[in-house]
Every structure is written in structure tokens, then in C-alpha cells.
C-alpha atoms as a PDB file:
ATOM      1  CA  MET A   1     198.919  69.288 113.915  1.00  0.00           C
ATOM      2  CA  ARG A   2     198.560  70.336 110.271  1.00  0.00           C
ATOM      3  CA  LEU A   3     195.205  70.686 108.913  1.00  0.00           C
ATOM      4  CA  ASN A   4     194.181  69.623 105.384  1.00  0.00           C
ATOM      5  CA  GLN A   5     194.220  72.621 103.118  1.00  0.00           C
ATOM      6  CA  ASP A   6     190.709  71.825 101.760  1.00  0.00           C
ATOM      7  CA  PHE A   7     189.319  71.826 105.295  1.00  0.00           C
ATOM      8  CA  VAL A   8     190.911  74.987 106.178  1.00  0.00           C
ATOM      9  CA  MET A   9     189.356  76.614 102.935  1.00  0.00           C
ATOM     10  CA  ALA A  10     186.050  75.184 103.456  1.00  0.00           C
ATOM     11  CA  VAL A  11     185.755  76.311 106.946  1.00  0.00           C
ATOM     12  CA  GLU A  12     186.858  79.815 106.062  1.00  0.00           C
ATOM     13  CA  THR A  13     184.362  79.973 103.109  1.00  0.00           C
ATOM     14  CA  ILE A  14     181.323  78.792 105.215  1.00  0.00           C
ATOM     15  CA  ILE A  15     182.268  81.431 107.893  1.00  0.00           C
ATOM     16  CA  TYR A  16     182.398  84.223 105.153  1.00  0.00           C
ATOM     17  CA  LEU A  17     179.212  82.924 103.499  1.00  0.00           C
ATOM     18  CA  GLY A  18     177.525  82.923 106.987  1.00  0.00           C
ATOM     19  CA  LYS A  19     178.721  86.677 107.687  1.00  0.00           C
ATOM     20  CA  LYS A  20     176.806  87.856 104.725  1.00  0.00           C
ATOM     21  CA  LYS A  21     173.187  88.783 105.784  1.00  0.00           C
ATOM     22  CA  ASP A  22     171.307  88.012 102.803  1.00  0.00           C
ATOM     23  CA  ALA A  23     170.713  84.548 101.170  1.00  0.00           C
ATOM     24  CA  ASN A  24     172.081  85.754  97.619  1.00  0.00           C
ATOM     25  CA  TYR A  25     174.513  83.507  95.737  1.00  0.00           C
ATOM     26  CA  LEU A  26     177.984  84.791  95.892  1.00  0.00           C
ATOM     27  CA  GLN A  27     180.496  84.478  93.053  1.00  0.00           C
ATOM     28  CA  THR A  28     183.475  82.118  93.742  1.00  0.00           C
ATOM     29  CA  GLY A  29     185.913  84.988  92.398  1.00  0.00           C
ATOM     30  CA  GLU A  30     184.561  87.216  95.146  1.00  0.00           C
ATOM     31  CA  ILE A  31     184.918  85.134  97.842  1.00  0.00           C
ATOM     32  CA  ALA A  32     188.677  83.847  96.501  1.00  0.00           C
ATOM     33  CA  LYS A  33     189.736  87.624  96.136  1.00  0.00           C
ATOM     34  CA  THR A  34     188.391  88.307  99.625  1.00  0.00           C
ATOM     35  CA  LEU A  35     189.887  85.408 101.543  1.00  0.00           C
ATOM     36  CA  LYS A  36     192.999  85.482  99.133  1.00  0.00           C
ATOM     37  CA  PHE A  37     192.398  81.896  97.629  1.00  0.00           C
ATOM     38  CA  SER A  38     193.212  80.627  94.234  1.00  0.00           C
ATOM     39  CA  VAL A  39     189.814  80.569  92.218  1.00  0.00           C
ATOM     40  CA  GLY A  40     190.516  77.426  90.748  1.00  0.00           C
ATOM     41  CA  TYR A  41     191.446  75.486  94.126  1.00  0.00           C
ATOM     42  CA  LEU A  42     188.542  77.241  95.601  1.00  0.00           C
ATOM     43  CA  GLN A  43     186.107  76.077  93.023  1.00  0.00           C
ATOM     44  CA  LYS A  44     187.287  72.321  93.655  1.00  0.00           C
ATOM     45  CA  VAL A  45     186.658  72.625  97.422  1.00  0.00           C
ATOM     46  CA  ILE A  46     183.210  74.184  96.665  1.00  0.00           C
ATOM     47  CA  GLN A  47     182.508  71.293  94.384  1.00  0.00           C
ATOM     48  CA  THR A  48     183.119  69.093  97.295  1.00  0.00           C
ATOM     49  CA  LEU A  49     180.852  70.943  99.632  1.00  0.00           C
ATOM     50  CA  GLY A  50     178.186  71.052  97.204  1.00  0.00           C
ATOM     51  CA  ARG A  51     178.333  67.270  96.698  1.00  0.00           C
ATOM     52  CA  CYS A  52     177.739  66.908 100.456  1.00  0.00           C
ATOM     53  CA  GLY A  53     174.841  69.268 100.391  1.00  0.00           C
ATOM     54  CA  ILE A  54     176.690  71.964 102.758  1.00  0.00           C
ATOM     55  CA  VAL A  55     176.439  74.756  99.778  1.00  0.00           C
ATOM     56  CA  GLU A  56     174.189  75.201  97.166  1.00  0.00           C
ATOM     57  CA  CYS A  57     175.895  76.016  93.626  1.00  0.00           C
ATOM     58  CA  LYS A  58     174.039  77.664  90.863  1.00  0.00           C
ATOM     59  CA  ARG A  59     175.564  78.328  87.359  1.00  0.00           C
ATOM     60  CA  GLY A  60     175.230  80.975  85.078  1.00  0.00           C
ATOM     61  CA  ARG A  61     175.817  84.849  84.924  1.00  0.00           C
ATOM     62  CA  ILE A  62     173.932  85.401  88.159  1.00  0.00           C
ATOM     63  CA  GLY A  63     175.030  82.172  89.819  1.00  0.00           C
ATOM     64  CA  GLY A  64     177.296  81.649  92.609  1.00  0.00           C
ATOM     65  CA  ILE A  65     177.122  79.714  95.926  1.00  0.00           C
ATOM     66  CA  ARG A  66     175.397  80.023  99.258  1.00  0.00           C
ATOM     67  CA  ILE A  67     175.120  77.712 102.354  1.00  0.00           C
ATOM     68  CA  GLY A  68     172.508  74.924 101.673  1.00  0.00           C
ATOM     69  CA  ARG A  69     172.210  73.789 105.374  1.00  0.00           C
ATOM     70  CA  ARG A  70     170.577  75.306 108.439  1.00  0.00           C
ATOM     71  CA  VAL A  71     173.408  74.158 110.542  1.00  0.00           C
ATOM     72  CA  VAL A  72     177.207  73.250 109.481  1.00  0.00           C
ATOM     73  CA  THR A  73     179.314  71.780 112.015  1.00  0.00           C
ATOM     74  CA  LEU A  74     183.033  71.329 111.956  1.00  0.00           C
ATOM     75  CA  LEU A  75     182.452  67.474 111.608  1.00  0.00           C
ATOM     76  CA  ASP A  76     180.254  68.383 108.618  1.00  0.00           C
ATOM     77  CA  VAL A  77     183.064  70.151 106.747  1.00  0.00           C
ATOM     78  CA  TRP A  78     185.786  67.515 108.112  1.00  0.00           C
ATOM     79  CA  GLU A  79     183.968  64.615 106.643  1.00  0.00           C
ATOM     80  CA  ALA A  80     183.067  66.458 103.295  1.00  0.00           C
ATOM     81  CA  THR A  81     186.959  67.342 102.952  1.00  0.00           C
ATOM     82  CA  SER A  82     188.793  64.821 104.714  1.00  0.00           C
ATOM     83  CA  GLY A  83     186.691  61.693 104.844  1.00  0.00           C
ATOM     84  CA  SER A  84     185.027  59.838 107.583  1.00  0.00           C
ATOM     85  CA  LEU A  85     186.275  59.364 110.979  1.00  0.00           C
ATOM     86  CA  ASP A  86     186.114  55.776 110.966  1.00  0.00           C
ATOM     87  CA  PHE A  87     188.832  53.193 112.055  1.00  0.00           C
ATOM     88  CA  THR A  88     187.221  50.042 111.048  1.00  0.00           C
ATOM     89  CA  ASP A  89     189.047  49.386 107.979  1.00  0.00           C
ATOM     90  CA  PRO A  90     191.589  48.430 109.079  1.00  0.00           C
ATOM     91  CA  PRO A  91     190.508  47.693 112.549  1.00  0.00           C
ATOM     92  CA  VAL A  92     192.523  49.724 115.319  1.00  0.00           C
ATOM     93  CA  ALA A  93     190.622  48.916 118.431  1.00  0.00           C
ATOM     94  CA  MET A  94     192.728  51.170 120.489  1.00  0.00           C
ATOM     95  CA  MET A  95     191.856  54.149 118.220  1.00  0.00           C
ATOM     96  CA  ASN A  96     188.143  54.032 118.646  1.00  0.00           C
ATOM     97  CA  LYS A  97     187.882  56.144 121.923  1.00  0.00           C
ATOM     98  CA  PRO A  98     190.167  58.946 120.741  1.00  0.00           C
ATOM     99  CA  VAL A  99     188.408  59.003 117.300  1.00  0.00           C
ATOM    100  CA  LYS A 100     185.195  59.144 119.007  1.00  0.00           C
ATOM    101  CA  ALA A 101     186.135  62.142 121.277  1.00  0.00           C
ATOM    102  CA  PHE A 102     187.536  64.172 118.328  1.00  0.00           C
ATOM    103  CA  ALA A 103     184.408  63.554 116.361  1.00  0.00           C
ATOM    104  CA  ASP A 104     182.296  64.714 119.300  1.00  0.00           C
ATOM    105  CA  ALA A 105     184.568  67.591 119.781  1.00  0.00           C
ATOM    106  CA  LEU A 106     184.143  68.641 116.199  1.00  0.00           C
ATOM    107  CA  ARG A 107     180.404  67.837 116.132  1.00  0.00           C
ATOM    108  CA  ALA A 108     180.028  70.508 119.101  1.00  0.00           C
ATOM    109  CA  ILE A 109     181.430  73.178 117.289  1.00  0.00           C
ATOM    110  CA  THR A 110     178.682  75.169 114.747  1.00  0.00           C
ATOM    111  CA  VAL A 111     180.575  76.872 112.003  1.00  0.00           C
ATOM    112  CA  TYR A 112     177.201  78.280 110.770  1.00  0.00           C
ATOM    113  CA  LYS A 113     173.650  78.448 112.181  1.00  0.00           C
ATOM    114  CA  LYS A 114     170.791  79.826 110.104  1.00  0.00           C
ATOM    115  CA  LYS A 115     169.161  82.400 112.338  1.00  0.00           C
END
């Protein structure tokens, strides 16, 4: 299975932010350099995470990003980067059970939990 690049970058970014003990904002450039990501592409992924409330973004010289939730699951990141896991349009009844199982599995894995 090949995962969406946005999803992979988002998960790695959340894990990186979670390892930082303080709640200060981190510069996108620092994160991109450490994780070996393109700054421009990471900014696109961060904007997506920001729209969903997973990260908080602050502009300016002392700005950056930080995690905006107490708990972030893989399902949260999947839905932010890859869309909803819903097969109702068009209806594919035989996919409901496997998709629900996949969503439940993603929901069960916590990427970040505030201590």
C-alpha cells in the first residue's frame, strides 16, 4: 500500500512536534530541515493541518507552528490530508465494513497526546 505523501509528512511533523517538550512555536524551516522535507511542500501540509485545528499557526518573526489539540490520532491526520473515509457517494455497500474497520484501526492509534 502506498500512502499519500501529505499524510506521511503530516504524521512525521506531528511526531516531531510532540517530541519537543515545550509548547513554543517551531519554525517551519527548522522542521523541514530536520525531517528533510521541502519547506514549500511542508508549508502546504501545515496549512491543511491548521485548517483542521490539528496545529496552531502563528505568523511573524517569532511565529511558527505547534500542536493545537490535546490528542491527535492517525484518523485525524488521515481525514485532514486524505479526506473522509466514507463510501456513501457513490454507495458501495460491500466496502462499508472494511472501511469502518480501517477507520477504527486509525482511530485507535494516537500520534500525540498532551501530558
